[in-house]
N, C-alpha and C. Protein backbone atom coordinates (compact mmCIF):
# COMPACT_ATOMS: atom_id res chain seq x y z
N MET A 1 251.32 338.39 114.74
CA MET A 1 250.56 337.17 114.63
C MET A 1 249.08 337.49 114.79
N LYS A 2 248.26 336.83 113.99
CA LYS A 2 246.83 337.07 114.02
C LYS A 2 246.09 335.75 113.82
N LYS A 3 245.01 335.58 114.58
CA LYS A 3 244.13 334.42 114.42
C LYS A 3 242.72 334.96 114.25
N ASP A 4 242.00 334.42 113.28
CA ASP A 4 240.61 334.80 113.04
C ASP A 4 239.72 333.58 113.15
N LEU A 5 238.61 333.75 113.84
CA LEU A 5 237.61 332.69 113.95
C LEU A 5 236.25 333.27 113.61
N TYR A 6 235.45 332.51 112.90
CA TYR A 6 234.05 332.85 112.64
C TYR A 6 233.26 331.64 113.08
N ILE A 7 232.44 331.82 114.12
CA ILE A 7 231.71 330.67 114.63
C ILE A 7 230.21 330.94 114.62
N PRO A 8 229.42 329.93 114.24
CA PRO A 8 227.97 330.06 114.37
C PRO A 8 227.60 330.18 115.85
N SER A 9 226.50 330.84 116.12
CA SER A 9 226.09 331.12 117.50
C SER A 9 225.49 329.89 118.17
N ASP A 10 226.37 328.97 118.44
CA ASP A 10 226.04 327.76 119.18
C ASP A 10 227.04 327.67 120.32
N ILE A 11 226.54 327.53 121.54
CA ILE A 11 227.40 327.53 122.72
C ILE A 11 228.48 326.45 122.64
N GLY A 12 228.21 325.37 121.92
CA GLY A 12 229.20 324.31 121.75
C GLY A 12 230.44 324.77 121.01
N ASN A 13 230.33 325.85 120.26
CA ASN A 13 231.49 326.36 119.52
C ASN A 13 232.49 327.11 120.40
N LEU A 14 232.16 327.29 121.66
CA LEU A 14 233.12 327.90 122.58
C LEU A 14 234.41 327.07 122.65
N ARG A 15 234.29 325.78 122.41
CA ARG A 15 235.49 324.93 122.46
C ARG A 15 236.51 325.33 121.39
N LEU A 16 236.03 325.87 120.26
CA LEU A 16 236.93 326.32 119.20
C LEU A 16 237.72 327.55 119.65
N VAL A 17 237.05 328.41 120.41
CA VAL A 17 237.72 329.61 120.94
C VAL A 17 238.74 329.18 121.99
N GLU A 18 238.34 328.26 122.85
CA GLU A 18 239.25 327.75 123.88
C GLU A 18 240.50 327.14 123.25
N LYS A 19 240.31 326.36 122.19
CA LYS A 19 241.44 325.73 121.50
C LYS A 19 242.38 326.79 120.92
N ALA A 20 241.82 327.83 120.31
CA ALA A 20 242.65 328.89 119.74
C ALA A 20 243.47 329.60 120.82
N ILE A 21 242.87 329.83 121.98
CA ILE A 21 243.59 330.49 123.07
C ILE A 21 244.66 329.56 123.63
N ASP A 22 244.36 328.27 123.74
CA ASP A 22 245.37 327.30 124.19
C ASP A 22 246.58 327.30 123.26
N GLU A 23 246.31 327.27 121.95
CA GLU A 23 247.41 327.28 120.97
C GLU A 23 248.23 328.56 121.07
N LEU A 24 247.54 329.66 121.20
CA LEU A 24 248.20 330.96 121.32
C LEU A 24 249.07 331.01 122.57
N SER A 25 248.55 330.50 123.66
CA SER A 25 249.29 330.50 124.92
C SER A 25 250.59 329.72 124.79
N MET A 26 250.53 328.59 124.10
CA MET A 26 251.74 327.80 123.90
C MET A 26 252.73 328.52 122.99
N GLU A 27 252.22 329.15 121.92
CA GLU A 27 253.09 329.86 120.98
C GLU A 27 253.80 331.03 121.65
N LEU A 28 253.07 331.74 122.52
CA LEU A 28 253.63 332.94 123.16
C LEU A 28 254.24 332.66 124.52
N ASN A 29 254.12 331.41 124.99
CA ASN A 29 254.64 331.03 126.30
C ASN A 29 254.10 331.95 127.41
N LEU A 30 252.78 332.08 127.44
CA LEU A 30 252.14 332.97 128.41
C LEU A 30 252.21 332.38 129.81
N SER A 31 252.29 333.26 130.79
CA SER A 31 252.24 332.82 132.18
C SER A 31 250.84 332.28 132.47
N ASP A 32 250.72 331.46 133.50
CA ASP A 32 249.42 330.90 133.86
C ASP A 32 248.41 332.00 134.17
N GLU A 33 248.86 333.07 134.84
CA GLU A 33 247.95 334.16 135.21
C GLU A 33 247.42 334.88 133.97
N VAL A 34 248.31 335.24 133.05
CA VAL A 34 247.89 335.94 131.84
C VAL A 34 246.99 335.03 130.99
N TYR A 35 247.39 333.77 130.86
CA TYR A 35 246.58 332.79 130.12
C TYR A 35 245.17 332.72 130.72
N GLY A 36 245.08 332.61 132.02
CA GLY A 36 243.78 332.53 132.69
C GLY A 36 242.93 333.76 132.46
N ASN A 37 243.55 334.94 132.54
CA ASN A 37 242.82 336.19 132.32
C ASN A 37 242.27 336.26 130.90
N ILE A 38 243.12 335.92 129.94
CA ILE A 38 242.70 335.95 128.53
C ILE A 38 241.59 334.93 128.29
N MET A 39 241.76 333.73 128.82
CA MET A 39 240.78 332.67 128.61
C MET A 39 239.42 333.06 129.19
N VAL A 40 239.37 333.45 130.45
CA VAL A 40 238.09 333.73 131.10
C VAL A 40 237.40 334.93 130.44
N ALA A 41 238.14 336.01 130.22
CA ALA A 41 237.54 337.22 129.64
C ALA A 41 237.05 336.97 128.22
N THR A 42 237.84 336.26 127.42
CA THR A 42 237.45 335.99 126.03
C THR A 42 236.26 335.04 125.96
N MET A 43 236.26 334.02 126.79
CA MET A 43 235.14 333.07 126.80
C MET A 43 233.86 333.77 127.25
N GLU A 44 233.97 334.64 128.23
CA GLU A 44 232.79 335.37 128.70
C GLU A 44 232.26 336.29 127.62
N ALA A 45 233.14 337.04 126.94
CA ALA A 45 232.72 337.94 125.88
C ALA A 45 232.09 337.16 124.72
N THR A 46 232.66 336.02 124.37
CA THR A 46 232.12 335.21 123.28
C THR A 46 230.77 334.61 123.68
N ASN A 47 230.68 334.13 124.89
CA ASN A 47 229.42 333.60 125.41
C ASN A 47 228.33 334.68 125.35
N ASN A 48 228.66 335.89 125.78
CA ASN A 48 227.71 337.00 125.73
C ASN A 48 227.28 337.30 124.29
N ALA A 49 228.25 337.26 123.37
CA ALA A 49 227.95 337.53 121.96
C ALA A 49 226.99 336.48 121.40
N ILE A 50 227.21 335.23 121.77
CA ILE A 50 226.34 334.14 121.29
C ILE A 50 224.94 334.26 121.89
N ILE A 51 224.88 334.35 123.21
CA ILE A 51 223.59 334.29 123.91
C ILE A 51 222.83 335.61 123.85
N HIS A 52 223.48 336.69 124.23
CA HIS A 52 222.78 337.98 124.33
C HIS A 52 222.78 338.74 123.01
N GLY A 53 223.92 338.76 122.32
CA GLY A 53 224.01 339.49 121.06
C GLY A 53 223.23 338.83 119.94
N ASN A 54 223.56 337.57 119.68
CA ASN A 54 222.95 336.86 118.55
C ASN A 54 221.76 336.00 118.96
N LYS A 55 221.39 336.04 120.22
CA LYS A 55 220.21 335.30 120.73
C LYS A 55 220.29 333.82 120.38
N SER A 56 221.50 333.26 120.38
CA SER A 56 221.74 331.84 120.08
C SER A 56 221.20 331.42 118.71
N ASP A 57 221.12 332.36 117.79
CA ASP A 57 220.65 332.08 116.44
C ASP A 57 221.81 331.50 115.62
N PRO A 58 221.77 330.20 115.27
CA PRO A 58 222.88 329.59 114.55
C PRO A 58 223.09 330.17 113.15
N GLU A 59 222.14 330.96 112.67
CA GLU A 59 222.30 331.62 111.37
C GLU A 59 223.19 332.87 111.50
N LYS A 60 223.41 333.30 112.74
CA LYS A 60 224.27 334.46 112.98
C LYS A 60 225.61 333.99 113.50
N ASN A 61 226.66 334.70 113.11
CA ASN A 61 228.02 334.33 113.49
C ASN A 61 228.61 335.30 114.50
N VAL A 62 229.59 334.79 115.20
CA VAL A 62 230.43 335.62 116.06
C VAL A 62 231.82 335.61 115.43
N LYS A 63 232.36 336.79 115.28
CA LYS A 63 233.70 336.94 114.70
C LYS A 63 234.67 337.24 115.84
N ILE A 64 235.74 336.46 115.93
CA ILE A 64 236.76 336.66 116.95
C ILE A 64 238.09 336.85 116.24
N GLU A 65 238.73 337.96 116.52
CA GLU A 65 240.06 338.22 115.98
C GLU A 65 241.02 338.36 117.16
N ILE A 66 242.10 337.63 117.11
CA ILE A 66 243.12 337.71 118.15
C ILE A 66 244.38 338.24 117.47
N LEU A 67 244.87 339.34 117.99
CA LEU A 67 246.02 340.01 117.37
C LEU A 67 247.10 340.24 118.41
N PHE A 68 248.29 339.74 118.12
CA PHE A 68 249.44 339.94 119.01
C PHE A 68 250.33 341.03 118.43
N LEU A 69 250.55 342.08 119.20
CA LEU A 69 251.40 343.20 118.81
C LEU A 69 252.45 343.43 119.89
N GLU A 70 253.67 343.02 119.64
CA GLU A 70 254.79 343.15 120.58
C GLU A 70 254.41 342.75 122.00
N LYS A 71 254.00 343.69 122.83
CA LYS A 71 253.74 343.41 124.24
C LYS A 71 252.26 343.53 124.58
N GLU A 72 251.41 343.40 123.57
CA GLU A 72 249.97 343.54 123.80
C GLU A 72 249.22 342.52 122.97
N LEU A 73 248.18 341.98 123.58
CA LEU A 73 247.29 341.07 122.88
C LEU A 73 245.91 341.71 122.84
N LYS A 74 245.32 341.79 121.65
CA LYS A 74 243.97 342.33 121.49
C LYS A 74 243.06 341.20 121.05
N VAL A 75 241.90 341.13 121.68
CA VAL A 75 240.89 340.16 121.29
C VAL A 75 239.63 340.95 120.95
N HIS A 76 239.21 340.81 119.71
CA HIS A 76 238.08 341.56 119.15
C HIS A 76 236.95 340.55 118.96
N ILE A 77 235.81 340.77 119.64
CA ILE A 77 234.67 339.87 119.56
C ILE A 77 233.49 340.67 119.01
N GLU A 78 232.92 340.19 117.91
CA GLU A 78 231.86 340.94 117.24
C GLU A 78 230.66 340.03 116.98
N ASP A 79 229.48 340.50 117.38
CA ASP A 79 228.26 339.74 117.10
C ASP A 79 227.41 340.49 116.08
N GLN A 80 226.28 339.89 115.70
CA GLN A 80 225.38 340.48 114.71
C GLN A 80 224.08 340.95 115.35
N GLY A 81 224.13 341.22 116.64
CA GLY A 81 222.94 341.68 117.36
C GLY A 81 222.75 343.18 117.26
N ILE A 82 221.91 343.71 118.13
CA ILE A 82 221.60 345.14 118.12
C ILE A 82 222.48 345.94 119.07
N GLY A 83 223.30 345.26 119.87
CA GLY A 83 224.18 345.93 120.81
C GLY A 83 223.53 346.12 122.17
N PHE A 84 224.23 346.82 123.05
CA PHE A 84 223.74 347.08 124.40
C PHE A 84 224.45 348.31 124.95
N ASP A 85 223.89 348.88 125.98
CA ASP A 85 224.48 350.05 126.63
C ASP A 85 225.32 349.58 127.81
N HIS A 86 226.63 349.55 127.63
CA HIS A 86 227.50 349.04 128.70
C HIS A 86 227.54 349.96 129.92
N HIS A 87 227.03 351.16 129.78
CA HIS A 87 226.97 352.09 130.92
C HIS A 87 225.77 351.77 131.82
N ASN A 88 224.86 350.96 131.33
CA ASN A 88 223.61 350.71 132.02
C ASN A 88 223.51 349.25 132.50
N ILE A 89 224.61 348.72 133.00
CA ILE A 89 224.67 347.34 133.49
C ILE A 89 224.67 347.39 135.02
N PRO A 90 223.81 346.61 135.68
CA PRO A 90 223.81 346.60 137.15
C PRO A 90 225.16 346.18 137.72
N ASP A 91 225.55 346.80 138.81
CA ASP A 91 226.80 346.49 139.49
C ASP A 91 226.62 345.18 140.27
N PRO A 92 227.36 344.12 139.91
CA PRO A 92 227.18 342.84 140.61
C PRO A 92 227.70 342.85 142.04
N THR A 93 228.45 343.90 142.41
CA THR A 93 228.98 343.98 143.78
C THR A 93 228.08 344.76 144.72
N SER A 94 227.00 345.35 144.20
CA SER A 94 226.08 346.07 145.08
C SER A 94 225.25 345.06 145.86
N PRO A 95 224.87 345.41 147.08
CA PRO A 95 224.18 344.44 147.96
C PRO A 95 222.97 343.76 147.34
N GLU A 96 222.16 344.49 146.57
CA GLU A 96 220.95 343.88 146.00
C GLU A 96 221.27 342.87 144.90
N ASN A 97 222.51 342.86 144.40
CA ASN A 97 222.86 341.94 143.31
C ASN A 97 223.78 340.80 143.74
N LEU A 98 224.21 340.80 144.99
CA LEU A 98 225.18 339.80 145.43
C LEU A 98 224.67 338.36 145.33
N GLU A 99 223.40 338.15 145.51
CA GLU A 99 222.84 336.80 145.49
C GLU A 99 222.44 336.33 144.09
N LYS A 100 222.48 337.22 143.12
CA LYS A 100 222.09 336.85 141.75
C LYS A 100 223.17 335.97 141.13
N ILE A 101 222.73 334.96 140.37
CA ILE A 101 223.69 334.03 139.78
C ILE A 101 224.21 334.48 138.42
N ASP A 102 223.61 335.51 137.83
CA ASP A 102 224.11 336.02 136.56
C ASP A 102 224.43 337.50 136.69
N GLY A 103 224.92 338.09 135.63
CA GLY A 103 225.22 339.52 135.64
C GLY A 103 226.63 339.88 136.04
N ARG A 104 227.53 338.90 136.05
CA ARG A 104 228.91 339.16 136.46
C ARG A 104 229.90 339.16 135.29
N GLY A 105 229.44 338.82 134.11
CA GLY A 105 230.33 338.66 132.97
C GLY A 105 231.11 339.91 132.61
N ILE A 106 230.43 341.02 132.50
CA ILE A 106 231.12 342.27 132.13
C ILE A 106 232.06 342.70 133.24
N PHE A 107 231.63 342.53 134.48
CA PHE A 107 232.50 342.83 135.62
C PHE A 107 233.78 342.00 135.54
N LEU A 108 233.66 340.72 135.24
CA LEU A 108 234.82 339.84 135.10
C LEU A 108 235.72 340.29 133.95
N MET A 109 235.11 340.57 132.80
CA MET A 109 235.89 340.99 131.63
C MET A 109 236.67 342.27 131.94
N GLU A 110 236.02 343.21 132.61
CA GLU A 110 236.68 344.48 132.94
C GLU A 110 237.77 344.28 133.99
N SER A 111 237.57 343.34 134.90
CA SER A 111 238.56 343.08 135.94
C SER A 111 239.78 342.34 135.41
N LEU A 112 239.58 341.45 134.47
CA LEU A 112 240.67 340.59 134.00
C LEU A 112 241.47 341.17 132.84
N SER A 113 240.88 342.08 132.08
CA SER A 113 241.62 342.69 130.96
C SER A 113 242.28 343.98 131.43
N ASP A 114 243.30 344.40 130.69
CA ASP A 114 243.97 345.65 131.02
C ASP A 114 243.21 346.85 130.47
N GLU A 115 242.44 346.60 129.42
CA GLU A 115 241.59 347.64 128.84
C GLU A 115 240.46 346.95 128.09
N ILE A 116 239.30 347.58 128.11
CA ILE A 116 238.17 347.03 127.37
C ILE A 116 237.47 348.17 126.66
N LEU A 117 237.14 347.94 125.40
CA LEU A 117 236.42 348.93 124.61
C LEU A 117 235.12 348.31 124.12
N TYR A 118 234.07 349.11 124.13
CA TYR A 118 232.78 348.71 123.58
C TYR A 118 232.54 349.58 122.35
N LEU A 119 232.45 348.95 121.20
CA LEU A 119 232.32 349.68 119.94
C LEU A 119 231.01 349.32 119.26
N GLU A 120 230.59 350.17 118.34
CA GLU A 120 229.36 349.96 117.56
C GLU A 120 228.19 349.57 118.46
N ASP A 121 227.92 350.43 119.44
CA ASP A 121 226.81 350.25 120.38
C ASP A 121 226.89 348.93 121.15
N GLY A 122 228.09 348.45 121.41
CA GLY A 122 228.26 347.24 122.19
C GLY A 122 228.26 345.96 121.39
N ARG A 123 228.11 346.05 120.07
CA ARG A 123 228.17 344.85 119.23
C ARG A 123 229.58 344.30 119.13
N ILE A 124 230.54 345.16 119.41
CA ILE A 124 231.95 344.75 119.39
C ILE A 124 232.54 345.02 120.76
N VAL A 125 233.22 344.01 121.29
CA VAL A 125 233.97 344.17 122.53
C VAL A 125 235.42 343.90 122.17
N GLU A 126 236.29 344.81 122.56
CA GLU A 126 237.72 344.62 122.32
C GLU A 126 238.42 344.57 123.67
N LEU A 127 239.04 343.44 123.92
CA LEU A 127 239.79 343.22 125.16
C LEU A 127 241.27 343.42 124.86
N LYS A 128 241.97 344.10 125.76
CA LYS A 128 243.41 344.29 125.59
C LYS A 128 244.12 343.77 126.82
N PHE A 129 245.19 343.04 126.57
CA PHE A 129 245.99 342.45 127.64
C PHE A 129 247.45 342.83 127.43
N ASN A 130 248.08 343.37 128.45
CA ASN A 130 249.50 343.68 128.39
C ASN A 130 250.28 342.41 128.69
N LEU A 131 251.27 342.12 127.87
CA LEU A 131 252.08 340.90 128.05
C LEU A 131 253.47 341.24 128.53
C-alpha cells in the first residue's frame, strides 16, 4: 500500500497529512502507541520541511510518500530547500538548551521512529517504523 501527497508549503496543509495518517491507521489497525509515534514524527518532519526547508514559500511543495511493506512503514518527506547538516544540530537535552522552546523536532523524530535517514543533504527525511 502506498499513499502520495504533494502539498504547497503552507502550515495549514498539515491537516492533509494528519488525515492521511488517520486513514492509514484505520486501514492497518495500528496500536495507539504506533499511531502516535507515526503522527508526531511525520508532522514534525513535514512542519520542518515547510518552515525550514521551503521557507514557507507556497510556490514550493513538500512531497510525502507513505509506503507500507509487510511489517514496516516508511514515510518519505522531501522539500525543495537547500538541505541541512543533521550532524550539526544542538542537543536539546544539554543544560544550555533545556529552556529553549524550539530545537526539539529532530530529537523527537529520532526518538519516535525506529530508524531515520537524512538523504540529499537533508532535503529528504525518511522515517521508518516497525509494525
